[in-house]
Amino acid sequence: IPEWSTCWVDGNLIEVTLVPVRMFQDPFTLDPNKLVLCEVLDSNRVPIGSNQRSQCAKVMEEVKDFQPWFGMEQEYTLFSLDGRPFGWPPQGCPFTGGV
C-alpha cells in the first residue's frame, strides 16, 4: 500500500503523510475491503504530536521479552441507513444503566 499525503487540521493546517503500518480484512463490509492502520508523519517525517502509536511501538519493542499485554480503546459510532445510531430505537436515546 503506498504512502498518502494529505492535509491535517489540528489547530493549524499542516501537510501530513499517512504511512501504512498494518492491514486487516474489513469485518463490516467484508472482502475485498480492508482497514488500514497508518502512522501519521509531518512534513519532516516525524510522528505528529497526537500520534501515540509510534511511541508505544518503541516502548513495546524495548520490553518485548516480558511479553506485555495492553488494551487500546477507540470509539466509533455506526449509523443505520435512516441516520440513527445503529441499534437505537426509533423514539431516540435508549435507557442507560442507572438512569
N, C-alpha and C. Protein backbone atom coordinates (compact mmCIF):
# COMPACT_ATOMS: atom_id res chain seq x y z
N ILE A 1 0.86 -1.18 0.00
CA ILE A 1 0.00 0.00 0.00
C ILE A 1 0.90 1.23 0.00
N PRO A 2 0.66 2.15 -0.90
CA PRO A 2 1.53 3.34 -0.96
C PRO A 2 1.26 4.32 0.18
N GLU A 3 2.24 5.16 0.47
CA GLU A 3 2.06 6.26 1.40
C GLU A 3 1.12 7.26 0.75
N TRP A 4 0.48 8.08 1.58
CA TRP A 4 -0.51 9.00 1.07
C TRP A 4 -0.35 10.35 1.77
N SER A 5 -0.18 11.42 1.00
CA SER A 5 -0.06 12.76 1.56
C SER A 5 -1.42 13.44 1.55
N THR A 6 -1.70 14.15 2.63
CA THR A 6 -2.97 14.87 2.75
C THR A 6 -2.78 16.04 3.70
N CYS A 7 -3.81 16.79 3.95
CA CYS A 7 -3.76 17.90 4.90
C CYS A 7 -4.46 17.50 6.18
N TRP A 8 -3.98 18.02 7.29
CA TRP A 8 -4.49 17.69 8.62
C TRP A 8 -4.79 18.99 9.33
N VAL A 9 -5.95 19.08 9.95
CA VAL A 9 -6.31 20.28 10.70
C VAL A 9 -6.28 19.92 12.18
N ASP A 10 -5.30 20.46 12.88
CA ASP A 10 -5.15 20.23 14.31
C ASP A 10 -4.84 21.58 14.95
N GLY A 11 -5.75 22.52 14.78
CA GLY A 11 -5.49 23.90 15.18
C GLY A 11 -4.88 24.67 14.04
N ASN A 12 -3.96 24.04 13.32
CA ASN A 12 -3.33 24.60 12.12
C ASN A 12 -3.49 23.61 10.98
N LEU A 13 -3.44 24.13 9.78
CA LEU A 13 -3.49 23.26 8.60
C LEU A 13 -2.06 22.83 8.27
N ILE A 14 -1.79 21.52 8.35
CA ILE A 14 -0.45 21.02 8.06
C ILE A 14 -0.54 19.88 7.06
N GLU A 15 0.52 19.71 6.30
CA GLU A 15 0.58 18.57 5.39
C GLU A 15 1.15 17.39 6.16
N VAL A 16 0.50 16.24 6.02
CA VAL A 16 0.94 15.03 6.69
C VAL A 16 1.05 13.90 5.68
N THR A 17 1.80 12.87 6.06
CA THR A 17 1.92 11.67 5.25
C THR A 17 1.39 10.50 6.07
N LEU A 18 0.48 9.74 5.48
CA LEU A 18 -0.05 8.54 6.11
C LEU A 18 0.79 7.37 5.62
N VAL A 19 1.44 6.68 6.57
CA VAL A 19 2.31 5.56 6.23
C VAL A 19 1.64 4.27 6.74
N PRO A 20 1.17 3.41 5.83
CA PRO A 20 0.51 2.18 6.26
C PRO A 20 1.41 1.32 7.15
N VAL A 21 0.84 0.82 8.26
CA VAL A 21 1.57 0.01 9.22
C VAL A 21 1.02 -1.42 9.26
N ARG A 22 -0.31 -1.54 9.17
CA ARG A 22 -0.95 -2.85 9.28
C ARG A 22 -2.27 -2.83 8.54
N MET A 23 -2.60 -3.93 7.88
CA MET A 23 -3.85 -4.02 7.14
C MET A 23 -4.64 -5.23 7.64
N PHE A 24 -5.96 -5.05 7.76
CA PHE A 24 -6.85 -6.10 8.23
C PHE A 24 -8.02 -6.25 7.26
N GLN A 25 -8.62 -7.43 7.21
CA GLN A 25 -9.86 -7.60 6.47
C GLN A 25 -10.93 -6.78 7.17
N ASP A 26 -11.76 -6.09 6.41
CA ASP A 26 -12.82 -5.27 6.98
C ASP A 26 -13.94 -6.18 7.49
N PRO A 27 -14.17 -6.20 8.83
CA PRO A 27 -15.21 -7.09 9.36
C PRO A 27 -16.63 -6.58 9.11
N PHE A 28 -16.77 -5.34 8.65
CA PHE A 28 -18.09 -4.77 8.43
C PHE A 28 -18.56 -4.95 6.99
N THR A 29 -17.71 -4.57 6.04
CA THR A 29 -18.11 -4.66 4.63
C THR A 29 -17.50 -5.87 3.94
N LEU A 30 -16.66 -6.62 4.65
CA LEU A 30 -16.08 -7.88 4.19
C LEU A 30 -15.20 -7.71 2.96
N ASP A 31 -14.66 -8.84 2.48
CA ASP A 31 -13.77 -8.81 1.33
C ASP A 31 -14.48 -8.28 0.10
N PRO A 32 -13.80 -7.56 -0.74
CA PRO A 32 -12.35 -7.36 -0.77
C PRO A 32 -11.90 -6.12 0.00
N ASN A 33 -12.77 -5.52 0.81
CA ASN A 33 -12.44 -4.28 1.52
C ASN A 33 -11.49 -4.54 2.68
N LYS A 34 -10.67 -3.55 2.99
CA LYS A 34 -9.65 -3.65 4.04
C LYS A 34 -9.70 -2.42 4.94
N LEU A 35 -9.24 -2.59 6.18
CA LEU A 35 -8.99 -1.48 7.10
C LEU A 35 -7.49 -1.35 7.22
N VAL A 36 -6.96 -0.14 7.11
CA VAL A 36 -5.52 0.08 7.14
C VAL A 36 -5.19 1.04 8.29
N LEU A 37 -4.31 0.60 9.20
CA LEU A 37 -3.82 1.46 10.27
C LEU A 37 -2.56 2.14 9.78
N CYS A 38 -2.45 3.45 10.03
CA CYS A 38 -1.34 4.22 9.48
C CYS A 38 -0.61 5.01 10.56
N GLU A 39 0.66 5.23 10.33
CA GLU A 39 1.48 6.16 11.09
C GLU A 39 1.24 7.52 10.43
N VAL A 40 1.08 8.59 11.23
CA VAL A 40 0.86 9.92 10.68
C VAL A 40 2.10 10.76 10.94
N LEU A 41 2.78 11.17 9.86
CA LEU A 41 4.03 11.91 9.95
C LEU A 41 3.86 13.33 9.43
N ASP A 42 4.60 14.28 10.00
CA ASP A 42 4.57 15.65 9.50
C ASP A 42 5.49 15.75 8.27
N SER A 43 5.65 16.97 7.77
CA SER A 43 6.43 17.16 6.54
C SER A 43 7.91 16.83 6.72
N ASN A 44 8.38 16.74 7.97
CA ASN A 44 9.77 16.33 8.25
C ASN A 44 9.87 14.83 8.55
N ARG A 45 8.76 14.11 8.33
CA ARG A 45 8.66 12.66 8.56
C ARG A 45 8.84 12.30 10.03
N VAL A 46 8.33 13.19 10.90
CA VAL A 46 8.33 12.97 12.35
C VAL A 46 6.88 12.72 12.74
N PRO A 47 6.60 11.72 13.61
CA PRO A 47 5.21 11.49 14.03
C PRO A 47 4.59 12.76 14.61
N ILE A 48 3.35 13.07 14.19
CA ILE A 48 2.71 14.27 14.71
C ILE A 48 2.38 14.06 16.19
N GLY A 49 2.17 15.15 16.92
CA GLY A 49 2.01 15.11 18.37
C GLY A 49 0.91 14.19 18.86
N SER A 50 -0.19 14.09 18.11
CA SER A 50 -1.30 13.25 18.57
C SER A 50 -1.09 11.78 18.21
N ASN A 51 0.02 11.46 17.55
CA ASN A 51 0.30 10.08 17.15
C ASN A 51 1.00 9.36 18.29
N GLN A 52 0.26 8.61 19.07
CA GLN A 52 0.84 7.88 20.20
C GLN A 52 1.31 6.48 19.80
N ARG A 53 0.93 5.99 18.62
CA ARG A 53 1.29 4.66 18.18
C ARG A 53 2.80 4.49 18.06
N SER A 54 3.47 5.51 17.55
CA SER A 54 4.92 5.38 17.34
C SER A 54 5.66 5.25 18.67
N GLN A 55 5.27 6.03 19.68
CA GLN A 55 5.92 5.94 20.99
C GLN A 55 5.61 4.59 21.63
N CYS A 56 4.39 4.13 21.51
CA CYS A 56 4.00 2.83 22.06
C CYS A 56 4.82 1.73 21.40
N ALA A 57 5.01 1.80 20.08
CA ALA A 57 5.79 0.78 19.37
C ALA A 57 7.23 0.72 19.89
N LYS A 58 7.82 1.89 20.19
CA LYS A 58 9.18 1.93 20.73
C LYS A 58 9.25 1.26 22.10
N VAL A 59 8.31 1.60 22.97
CA VAL A 59 8.30 1.02 24.32
C VAL A 59 8.06 -0.48 24.25
N MET A 60 7.11 -0.91 23.43
CA MET A 60 6.82 -2.35 23.33
C MET A 60 8.02 -3.13 22.80
N GLU A 61 8.78 -2.53 21.91
CA GLU A 61 9.99 -3.19 21.40
C GLU A 61 11.02 -3.35 22.52
N GLU A 62 11.14 -2.34 23.38
CA GLU A 62 12.11 -2.39 24.49
C GLU A 62 11.77 -3.45 25.53
N VAL A 63 10.48 -3.75 25.70
CA VAL A 63 10.06 -4.69 26.76
C VAL A 63 9.47 -5.98 26.19
N LYS A 64 9.74 -6.26 24.93
CA LYS A 64 9.11 -7.42 24.29
C LYS A 64 9.43 -8.74 24.97
N ASP A 65 10.58 -8.86 25.64
CA ASP A 65 10.93 -10.10 26.33
C ASP A 65 10.00 -10.40 27.51
N PHE A 66 9.32 -9.37 28.02
CA PHE A 66 8.35 -9.55 29.11
C PHE A 66 6.98 -9.99 28.60
N GLN A 67 6.79 -9.98 27.29
CA GLN A 67 5.52 -10.33 26.64
C GLN A 67 4.34 -9.55 27.26
N PRO A 68 4.43 -8.22 27.25
CA PRO A 68 3.37 -7.42 27.87
C PRO A 68 2.05 -7.49 27.10
N TRP A 69 0.98 -7.30 27.84
CA TRP A 69 -0.35 -7.18 27.27
C TRP A 69 -0.86 -5.77 27.55
N PHE A 70 -1.62 -5.25 26.67
CA PHE A 70 -2.26 -3.97 26.91
C PHE A 70 -3.47 -3.87 26.01
N GLY A 71 -4.33 -2.94 26.33
CA GLY A 71 -5.52 -2.74 25.52
C GLY A 71 -5.56 -1.32 24.98
N MET A 72 -6.21 -1.17 23.86
CA MET A 72 -6.39 0.16 23.26
C MET A 72 -7.87 0.38 23.07
N GLU A 73 -8.31 1.59 23.29
CA GLU A 73 -9.71 1.91 23.10
C GLU A 73 -9.83 2.98 22.03
N GLN A 74 -10.64 2.68 21.05
CA GLN A 74 -11.01 3.68 20.06
C GLN A 74 -12.52 3.62 19.94
N GLU A 75 -13.16 4.77 19.89
CA GLU A 75 -14.61 4.80 19.85
C GLU A 75 -15.10 5.21 18.47
N TYR A 76 -16.08 4.48 18.01
CA TYR A 76 -16.69 4.74 16.72
C TYR A 76 -18.20 4.68 16.89
N THR A 77 -18.93 5.39 16.09
CA THR A 77 -20.38 5.29 16.06
C THR A 77 -20.78 4.82 14.68
N LEU A 78 -21.53 3.73 14.63
CA LEU A 78 -22.07 3.23 13.38
C LEU A 78 -23.50 3.73 13.24
N PHE A 79 -23.86 4.20 12.07
CA PHE A 79 -25.19 4.72 11.83
C PHE A 79 -25.96 3.80 10.89
N SER A 80 -27.26 3.65 11.19
CA SER A 80 -28.16 2.89 10.31
C SER A 80 -28.42 3.71 9.05
N LEU A 81 -29.05 3.08 8.08
CA LEU A 81 -29.36 3.79 6.84
C LEU A 81 -30.33 4.95 7.06
N ASP A 82 -31.10 4.92 8.17
CA ASP A 82 -32.03 6.02 8.45
C ASP A 82 -31.37 7.17 9.22
N GLY A 83 -30.05 7.06 9.47
CA GLY A 83 -29.31 8.15 10.12
C GLY A 83 -29.24 8.07 11.63
N ARG A 84 -29.93 7.11 12.26
CA ARG A 84 -29.87 6.94 13.71
C ARG A 84 -28.66 6.07 14.06
N PRO A 85 -28.10 6.24 15.26
CA PRO A 85 -27.04 5.32 15.67
C PRO A 85 -27.54 3.88 15.59
N PHE A 86 -26.70 3.01 15.07
CA PHE A 86 -27.07 1.61 14.84
C PHE A 86 -27.58 0.97 16.12
N GLY A 87 -28.74 0.33 16.05
CA GLY A 87 -29.32 -0.36 17.19
C GLY A 87 -30.18 0.49 18.10
N TRP A 88 -30.23 1.79 17.87
CA TRP A 88 -31.06 2.65 18.73
C TRP A 88 -32.51 2.54 18.31
N PRO A 89 -33.43 2.66 19.28
CA PRO A 89 -34.86 2.59 18.95
C PRO A 89 -35.31 3.86 18.20
N PRO A 90 -36.41 3.74 17.43
CA PRO A 90 -36.89 4.90 16.64
C PRO A 90 -37.22 6.12 17.49
N GLN A 91 -37.62 5.94 18.76
CA GLN A 91 -38.00 7.08 19.59
C GLN A 91 -36.81 7.85 20.14
N GLY A 92 -35.58 7.39 19.89
CA GLY A 92 -34.41 8.15 20.34
C GLY A 92 -33.49 7.37 21.25
N CYS A 93 -32.84 8.09 22.14
CA CYS A 93 -31.83 7.53 23.02
C CYS A 93 -32.38 6.40 23.88
N PRO A 94 -31.73 5.23 23.88
CA PRO A 94 -32.20 4.14 24.74
C PRO A 94 -31.86 4.41 26.20
N PHE A 95 -32.56 3.73 27.11
CA PHE A 95 -32.23 3.84 28.53
C PHE A 95 -30.80 3.38 28.77
N THR A 96 -30.12 4.03 29.67
CA THR A 96 -28.79 3.59 30.06
C THR A 96 -28.86 3.09 31.50
N GLY A 97 -27.94 2.25 31.89
CA GLY A 97 -27.93 1.73 33.25
C GLY A 97 -27.82 2.83 34.29
N GLY A 98 -28.63 2.75 35.32
CA GLY A 98 -28.54 3.71 36.42
C GLY A 98 -29.30 4.99 36.21
N VAL A 99 -29.95 5.16 35.06
CA VAL A 99 -30.70 6.40 34.82
C VAL A 99 -32.16 6.18 35.07
